[in-house]
Amino acid sequence: MAGVAAGVVWIGVRLRPGLFADTRVIGTRPAYEVLLRIPVGTASFEEVLFRGLLQAAWGSAGSSTAFGAWHVLPTLQTAAVNGLPRAPSAAAAVVVTVAAGRALASLRARYGLAAAVVAHAGINIAGYLAARAASSNR
């Protein structure tokens, strides 16, 4: 799943780099982001919360919907910083993250929580690297 997502992100960067540009990544430390913050601070935390606790309590539909809602504010912030339209960005983020939440819930149910963490980290790392690549061209 992470490999497919990385491929889609790579194609997107090639076709529409402006959609992936994010000025906030320019001053970051790639090794720290890729090796620590994304896999531990984001993917592990979110997977334990959404696919661990909430999936057990609310099922995959409920946890996936919550996952989508969780991403609204960060998407609005990203849109504001990068001059993108806020409402369509937030709506798209909810749709995409609810779908991603369902896929991650399926991974967790079939292979365990670690598989969901690895896939989530891979997707986020691909997005971070895409943002760096697109932002360096601006």
N, C-alpha and C. Protein backbone atom coordinates (compact mmCIF):
# COMPACT_ATOMS: atom_id res chain seq x y z
N MET A 1 0.81 -1.19 0.00
CA MET A 1 0.00 0.00 0.00
C MET A 1 0.86 1.26 0.00
N ALA A 2 1.89 1.29 0.84
CA ALA A 2 2.76 2.46 0.89
C ALA A 2 3.49 2.65 -0.43
N GLY A 3 3.88 1.53 -1.06
CA GLY A 3 4.57 1.62 -2.35
C GLY A 3 3.68 2.19 -3.43
N VAL A 4 2.43 1.78 -3.44
CA VAL A 4 1.46 2.31 -4.41
C VAL A 4 1.26 3.80 -4.16
N ALA A 5 1.08 4.16 -2.90
CA ALA A 5 0.90 5.58 -2.56
C ALA A 5 2.12 6.38 -2.94
N ALA A 6 3.31 5.86 -2.71
CA ALA A 6 4.54 6.57 -3.08
C ALA A 6 4.60 6.76 -4.59
N GLY A 7 4.20 5.75 -5.34
CA GLY A 7 4.17 5.87 -6.80
C GLY A 7 3.19 6.94 -7.26
N VAL A 8 2.02 6.98 -6.64
CA VAL A 8 1.03 8.00 -6.99
C VAL A 8 1.56 9.39 -6.65
N VAL A 9 2.19 9.52 -5.50
CA VAL A 9 2.76 10.81 -5.11
C VAL A 9 3.85 11.23 -6.10
N TRP A 10 4.72 10.31 -6.48
CA TRP A 10 5.80 10.62 -7.43
C TRP A 10 5.22 11.10 -8.76
N ILE A 11 4.21 10.41 -9.27
CA ILE A 11 3.57 10.82 -10.53
C ILE A 11 2.95 12.20 -10.36
N GLY A 12 2.29 12.42 -9.23
CA GLY A 12 1.69 13.72 -8.97
C GLY A 12 2.71 14.85 -8.94
N VAL A 13 3.86 14.61 -8.33
CA VAL A 13 4.91 15.63 -8.29
C VAL A 13 5.38 15.95 -9.70
N ARG A 14 5.50 14.93 -10.52
CA ARG A 14 5.94 15.14 -11.90
C ARG A 14 4.91 15.91 -12.71
N LEU A 15 3.63 15.61 -12.51
CA LEU A 15 2.57 16.23 -13.30
C LEU A 15 2.15 17.59 -12.76
N ARG A 16 2.03 17.73 -11.44
CA ARG A 16 1.55 18.96 -10.82
C ARG A 16 2.36 19.28 -9.56
N PRO A 17 3.63 19.68 -9.71
CA PRO A 17 4.47 19.91 -8.53
C PRO A 17 3.90 20.95 -7.58
N GLY A 18 3.16 21.93 -8.07
CA GLY A 18 2.61 22.97 -7.21
C GLY A 18 1.66 22.43 -6.15
N LEU A 19 1.00 21.32 -6.44
CA LEU A 19 0.07 20.74 -5.47
C LEU A 19 0.80 20.14 -4.26
N PHE A 20 2.06 19.81 -4.44
CA PHE A 20 2.82 19.17 -3.37
C PHE A 20 3.76 20.13 -2.67
N ALA A 21 4.00 21.29 -3.26
CA ALA A 21 4.92 22.25 -2.66
C ALA A 21 4.39 22.69 -1.29
N ASP A 22 5.28 22.76 -0.32
CA ASP A 22 4.93 23.19 1.02
C ASP A 22 6.15 23.89 1.60
N THR A 23 6.05 25.19 1.71
CA THR A 23 7.20 25.99 2.13
C THR A 23 7.71 25.62 3.51
N ARG A 24 6.89 24.97 4.33
CA ARG A 24 7.33 24.62 5.69
C ARG A 24 8.41 23.56 5.72
N VAL A 25 8.59 22.79 4.66
CA VAL A 25 9.59 21.72 4.69
C VAL A 25 10.99 22.20 4.37
N ILE A 26 11.13 23.39 3.84
CA ILE A 26 12.43 23.87 3.38
C ILE A 26 13.46 23.92 4.50
N GLY A 27 13.10 24.37 5.68
CA GLY A 27 14.06 24.47 6.78
C GLY A 27 14.14 23.24 7.67
N THR A 28 13.54 22.14 7.28
CA THR A 28 13.54 20.95 8.13
C THR A 28 14.78 20.09 7.90
N ARG A 29 14.99 19.17 8.83
CA ARG A 29 16.11 18.23 8.73
C ARG A 29 15.56 16.89 8.23
N PRO A 30 15.85 16.52 6.98
CA PRO A 30 15.26 15.32 6.39
C PRO A 30 15.50 14.04 7.18
N ALA A 31 16.68 13.84 7.71
CA ALA A 31 16.96 12.60 8.44
C ALA A 31 16.06 12.51 9.68
N TYR A 32 15.93 13.60 10.41
CA TYR A 32 15.07 13.62 11.59
C TYR A 32 13.61 13.35 11.20
N GLU A 33 13.14 14.02 10.17
CA GLU A 33 11.75 13.86 9.73
C GLU A 33 11.45 12.42 9.31
N VAL A 34 12.33 11.86 8.48
CA VAL A 34 12.10 10.54 7.89
C VAL A 34 12.35 9.41 8.88
N LEU A 35 13.32 9.57 9.75
CA LEU A 35 13.68 8.48 10.67
C LEU A 35 13.01 8.54 12.03
N LEU A 36 12.57 9.72 12.46
CA LEU A 36 12.02 9.83 13.81
C LEU A 36 10.63 10.46 13.85
N ARG A 37 10.51 11.71 13.44
CA ARG A 37 9.25 12.41 13.62
C ARG A 37 8.08 11.76 12.89
N ILE A 38 8.25 11.42 11.62
CA ILE A 38 7.13 10.84 10.88
C ILE A 38 6.79 9.43 11.37
N PRO A 39 7.75 8.51 11.45
CA PRO A 39 7.35 7.16 11.89
C PRO A 39 6.92 7.07 13.34
N VAL A 40 7.56 7.83 14.23
CA VAL A 40 7.24 7.71 15.66
C VAL A 40 6.20 8.75 16.08
N GLY A 41 6.49 10.01 15.78
CA GLY A 41 5.63 11.09 16.26
C GLY A 41 4.31 11.20 15.55
N THR A 42 4.23 10.73 14.32
CA THR A 42 2.97 10.83 13.59
C THR A 42 2.34 9.46 13.37
N ALA A 43 2.99 8.61 12.58
CA ALA A 43 2.38 7.34 12.17
C ALA A 43 2.09 6.43 13.37
N SER A 44 3.05 6.23 14.23
CA SER A 44 2.83 5.34 15.38
C SER A 44 1.74 5.89 16.29
N PHE A 45 1.82 7.18 16.60
CA PHE A 45 0.82 7.80 17.46
C PHE A 45 -0.58 7.67 16.86
N GLU A 46 -0.74 8.06 15.59
CA GLU A 46 -2.06 8.01 14.97
C GLU A 46 -2.58 6.59 14.82
N GLU A 47 -1.71 5.65 14.51
CA GLU A 47 -2.17 4.27 14.35
C GLU A 47 -2.60 3.66 15.68
N VAL A 48 -1.88 3.93 16.74
CA VAL A 48 -2.30 3.43 18.06
C VAL A 48 -3.66 4.05 18.42
N LEU A 49 -3.81 5.33 18.17
CA LEU A 49 -5.06 6.01 18.48
C LEU A 49 -6.22 5.52 17.61
N PHE A 50 -6.04 5.60 16.28
CA PHE A 50 -7.16 5.33 15.38
C PHE A 50 -7.37 3.85 15.09
N ARG A 51 -6.32 3.11 14.80
CA ARG A 51 -6.48 1.68 14.49
C ARG A 51 -6.36 0.80 15.72
N GLY A 52 -5.82 1.33 16.79
CA GLY A 52 -5.74 0.57 18.03
C GLY A 52 -6.97 0.83 18.89
N LEU A 53 -7.02 1.99 19.51
CA LEU A 53 -8.10 2.30 20.46
C LEU A 53 -9.45 2.52 19.79
N LEU A 54 -9.51 3.44 18.83
CA LEU A 54 -10.81 3.80 18.26
C LEU A 54 -11.39 2.70 17.37
N GLN A 55 -10.57 1.98 16.66
CA GLN A 55 -11.10 0.89 15.84
C GLN A 55 -11.71 -0.19 16.74
N ALA A 56 -11.10 -0.45 17.87
CA ALA A 56 -11.66 -1.43 18.80
C ALA A 56 -13.00 -0.93 19.38
N ALA A 57 -13.10 0.38 19.62
CA ALA A 57 -14.30 0.93 20.23
C ALA A 57 -15.41 1.26 19.22
N TRP A 58 -15.03 1.79 18.07
CA TRP A 58 -16.01 2.31 17.12
C TRP A 58 -16.10 1.53 15.81
N GLY A 59 -15.23 0.57 15.62
CA GLY A 59 -15.18 -0.15 14.35
C GLY A 59 -14.39 0.61 13.31
N SER A 60 -14.16 0.00 12.16
CA SER A 60 -13.31 0.65 11.15
C SER A 60 -13.99 1.86 10.53
N ALA A 61 -15.31 1.83 10.36
CA ALA A 61 -16.00 3.00 9.77
C ALA A 61 -15.90 4.20 10.70
N GLY A 62 -16.13 3.99 11.99
CA GLY A 62 -16.05 5.09 12.94
C GLY A 62 -14.65 5.64 13.11
N SER A 63 -13.67 4.74 13.21
CA SER A 63 -12.29 5.20 13.38
C SER A 63 -11.79 5.88 12.12
N SER A 64 -12.22 5.42 10.96
CA SER A 64 -11.79 6.03 9.69
C SER A 64 -12.41 7.42 9.52
N THR A 65 -13.65 7.58 9.93
CA THR A 65 -14.31 8.89 9.87
C THR A 65 -13.62 9.86 10.82
N ALA A 66 -13.29 9.39 12.01
CA ALA A 66 -12.56 10.23 12.96
C ALA A 66 -11.19 10.61 12.41
N PHE A 67 -10.54 9.67 11.74
CA PHE A 67 -9.24 9.92 11.12
C PHE A 67 -9.35 11.03 10.07
N GLY A 68 -10.42 10.99 9.27
CA GLY A 68 -10.65 12.04 8.29
C GLY A 68 -10.85 13.39 8.94
N ALA A 69 -11.67 13.43 9.99
CA ALA A 69 -11.93 14.68 10.70
C ALA A 69 -10.66 15.22 11.36
N TRP A 70 -9.81 14.32 11.86
CA TRP A 70 -8.55 14.69 12.52
C TRP A 70 -7.64 15.49 11.57
N HIS A 71 -7.77 15.28 10.27
CA HIS A 71 -6.89 15.92 9.30
C HIS A 71 -7.42 17.23 8.73
N VAL A 72 -8.59 17.69 9.18
CA VAL A 72 -9.15 18.93 8.64
C VAL A 72 -8.29 20.14 9.03
N LEU A 73 -8.01 20.33 10.31
CA LEU A 73 -7.23 21.51 10.73
C LEU A 73 -5.83 21.54 10.13
N PRO A 74 -5.07 20.42 10.14
CA PRO A 74 -3.76 20.48 9.49
C PRO A 74 -3.84 20.82 8.01
N THR A 75 -4.90 20.35 7.34
CA THR A 75 -5.05 20.66 5.92
C THR A 75 -5.36 22.14 5.73
N LEU A 76 -6.20 22.70 6.57
CA LEU A 76 -6.49 24.13 6.48
C LEU A 76 -5.23 24.96 6.71
N GLN A 77 -4.40 24.52 7.66
CA GLN A 77 -3.13 25.22 7.91
C GLN A 77 -2.20 25.12 6.71
N THR A 78 -2.10 23.94 6.13
CA THR A 78 -1.26 23.75 4.96
C THR A 78 -1.74 24.61 3.80
N ALA A 79 -3.06 24.64 3.59
CA ALA A 79 -3.62 25.45 2.52
C ALA A 79 -3.31 26.93 2.73
N ALA A 80 -3.47 27.40 3.96
CA ALA A 80 -3.21 28.82 4.26
C ALA A 80 -1.76 29.18 4.02
N VAL A 81 -0.84 28.35 4.48
CA VAL A 81 0.59 28.62 4.34
C VAL A 81 1.01 28.62 2.87
N ASN A 82 0.40 27.77 2.08
CA ASN A 82 0.83 27.59 0.70
C ASN A 82 -0.07 28.24 -0.34
N GLY A 83 -1.02 29.06 0.10
CA GLY A 83 -1.87 29.81 -0.82
C GLY A 83 -2.84 28.95 -1.62
N LEU A 84 -3.32 27.88 -1.04
CA LEU A 84 -4.28 27.01 -1.71
C LEU A 84 -5.68 27.32 -1.20
N PRO A 85 -6.71 27.03 -2.00
CA PRO A 85 -8.07 27.26 -1.52
C PRO A 85 -8.39 26.34 -0.34
N ARG A 86 -8.93 26.90 0.72
CA ARG A 86 -9.13 26.15 1.96
C ARG A 86 -10.25 25.12 1.88
N ALA A 87 -11.44 25.51 1.47
CA ALA A 87 -12.59 24.59 1.51
C ALA A 87 -12.38 23.36 0.64
N PRO A 88 -11.99 23.52 -0.63
CA PRO A 88 -11.77 22.30 -1.43
C PRO A 88 -10.64 21.44 -0.88
N SER A 89 -9.62 22.06 -0.33
CA SER A 89 -8.50 21.30 0.24
C SER A 89 -8.96 20.47 1.43
N ALA A 90 -9.74 21.07 2.30
CA ALA A 90 -10.21 20.36 3.49
C ALA A 90 -11.17 19.25 3.11
N ALA A 91 -12.06 19.51 2.16
CA ALA A 91 -13.01 18.47 1.72
C ALA A 91 -12.27 17.30 1.10
N ALA A 92 -11.29 17.61 0.26
CA ALA A 92 -10.50 16.54 -0.37
C ALA A 92 -9.73 15.76 0.69
N ALA A 93 -9.18 16.45 1.68
CA ALA A 93 -8.42 15.78 2.73
C ALA A 93 -9.30 14.81 3.51
N VAL A 94 -10.53 15.21 3.79
CA VAL A 94 -11.42 14.32 4.53
C VAL A 94 -11.71 13.07 3.71
N VAL A 95 -12.04 13.24 2.44
CA VAL A 95 -12.35 12.09 1.59
C VAL A 95 -11.14 11.16 1.49
N VAL A 96 -9.98 11.72 1.23
CA VAL A 96 -8.77 10.91 1.07
C VAL A 96 -8.39 10.23 2.38
N THR A 97 -8.45 10.95 3.49
CA THR A 97 -8.02 10.33 4.75
C THR A 97 -9.04 9.33 5.29
N VAL A 98 -10.32 9.52 5.00
CA VAL A 98 -11.29 8.48 5.38
C VAL A 98 -11.00 7.21 4.59
N ALA A 99 -10.74 7.35 3.28
CA ALA A 99 -10.41 6.18 2.45
C ALA A 99 -9.10 5.54 2.93
N ALA A 100 -8.11 6.36 3.23
CA ALA A 100 -6.84 5.82 3.74
C ALA A 100 -7.06 5.13 5.08
N GLY A 101 -7.91 5.71 5.92
CA GLY A 101 -8.22 5.09 7.21
C GLY A 101 -8.86 3.72 7.04
N ARG A 102 -9.73 3.59 6.05
CA ARG A 102 -10.35 2.28 5.79
C ARG A 102 -9.30 1.27 5.33
N ALA A 103 -8.40 1.72 4.45
CA ALA A 103 -7.34 0.82 3.98
C ALA A 103 -6.41 0.42 5.13
N LEU A 104 -6.06 1.38 5.97
CA LEU A 104 -5.20 1.08 7.12
C LEU A 104 -5.92 0.18 8.12
N ALA A 105 -7.22 0.36 8.27
CA ALA A 105 -8.00 -0.51 9.16
C ALA A 105 -7.99 -1.95 8.63
N SER A 106 -8.08 -2.09 7.32
CA SER A 106 -8.02 -3.43 6.72
C SER A 106 -6.65 -4.06 6.94
N LEU A 107 -5.61 -3.27 6.79
CA LEU A 107 -4.26 -3.77 7.05
C LEU A 107 -4.12 -4.23 8.50
N ARG A 108 -4.61 -3.41 9.41
CA ARG A 108 -4.52 -3.76 10.82
C ARG A 108 -5.29 -5.04 11.11
N ALA A 109 -6.49 -5.16 10.55
CA ALA A 109 -7.30 -6.36 10.80
C ALA A 109 -6.64 -7.62 10.24
N ARG A 110 -5.99 -7.47 9.11
CA ARG A 110 -5.40 -8.64 8.45
C ARG A 110 -4.00 -8.98 8.94
N TYR A 111 -3.17 -7.95 9.13
CA TYR A 111 -1.75 -8.19 9.43
C TYR A 111 -1.28 -7.66 10.78
N GLY A 112 -2.11 -6.88 11.45
CA GLY A 112 -1.72 -6.34 12.75
C GLY A 112 -1.39 -4.86 12.70
N LEU A 113 -1.28 -4.28 13.87
CA LEU A 113 -1.07 -2.85 13.99
C LEU A 113 0.26 -2.40 13.39
N ALA A 114 1.29 -3.21 13.50
CA ALA A 114 2.61 -2.84 12.96
C ALA A 114 2.54 -2.60 11.45
N ALA A 115 1.76 -3.40 10.74
CA ALA A 115 1.63 -3.23 9.29
C ALA A 115 0.99 -1.89 8.97
N ALA A 116 -0.01 -1.50 9.75
CA ALA A 116 -0.65 -0.20 9.53
C ALA A 116 0.33 0.94 9.82
N VAL A 117 1.13 0.79 10.86
CA VAL A 117 2.13 1.82 11.19
C VAL A 117 3.13 1.97 10.05
N VAL A 118 3.65 0.86 9.55
CA VAL A 118 4.65 0.90 8.47
C VAL A 118 4.05 1.54 7.21
N ALA A 119 2.83 1.15 6.85
CA ALA A 119 2.19 1.72 5.67
C ALA A 119 1.94 3.22 5.85
N HIS A 120 1.44 3.60 7.01
CA HIS A 120 1.16 5.01 7.30
C HIS A 120 2.46 5.82 7.24
N ALA A 121 3.51 5.31 7.86
CA ALA A 121 4.80 6.02 7.83
C ALA A 121 5.30 6.14 6.40
N GLY A 122 5.18 5.09 5.61
CA GLY A 122 5.63 5.13 4.22
C GLY A 122 4.89 6.17 3.40
N ILE A 123 3.60 6.25 3.59
CA ILE A 123 2.79 7.24 2.87
C ILE A 123 3.20 8.66 3.28
N ASN A 124 3.33 8.89 4.58
CA ASN A 124 3.69 10.23 5.05
C ASN A 124 5.11 10.61 4.64
N ILE A 125 6.02 9.66 4.66
CA ILE A 125 7.40 9.95 4.21
C ILE A 125 7.41 10.29 2.74
N ALA A 126 6.64 9.56 1.93
CA ALA A 126 6.55 9.88 0.50
C ALA A 126 6.01 11.30 0.30
N GLY A 127 5.00 11.67 1.08
CA GLY A 127 4.46 13.02 0.98
C GLY A 127 5.47 14.08 1.39
N TYR A 128 6.21 13.81 2.46
CA TYR A 128 7.23 14.75 2.92
C TYR A 128 8.31 14.94 1.85
N LEU A 129 8.80 13.82 1.29
CA LEU A 129 9.84 13.90 0.26
C LEU A 129 9.32 14.59 -0.99
N ALA A 130 8.05 14.37 -1.32
CA ALA A 130 7.45 15.05 -2.46
C ALA A 130 7.38 16.55 -2.21
N ALA A 131 7.01 16.94 -1.00
CA ALA A 131 6.95 18.36 -0.66
C ALA A 131 8.33 19.00 -0.74
N ARG A 132 9.34 18.29 -0.29
CA ARG A 132 10.72 18.82 -0.38
C ARG A 132 11.12 18.99 -1.84
N ALA A 133 10.85 17.96 -2.65
CA ALA A 133 11.23 18.03 -4.07
C ALA A 133 10.48 19.17 -4.77
N ALA A 134 9.20 19.28 -4.54
CA ALA A 134 8.41 20.31 -5.20
C ALA A 134 8.77 21.71 -4.70
N SER A 135 9.09 21.83 -3.42
CA SER A 135 9.42 23.14 -2.85
C SER A 135 10.79 23.61 -3.25
N SER A 136 11.70 22.69 -3.52
CA SER A 136 13.05 23.10 -3.93
C SER A 136 13.05 23.65 -5.35
N ASN A 137 12.01 23.38 -6.12
CA ASN A 137 11.91 23.88 -7.48
C ASN A 137 11.27 25.25 -7.57
N ARG A 138 10.81 25.77 -6.44
CA ARG A 138 10.11 27.08 -6.46
C ARG A 138 11.08 28.21 -6.42
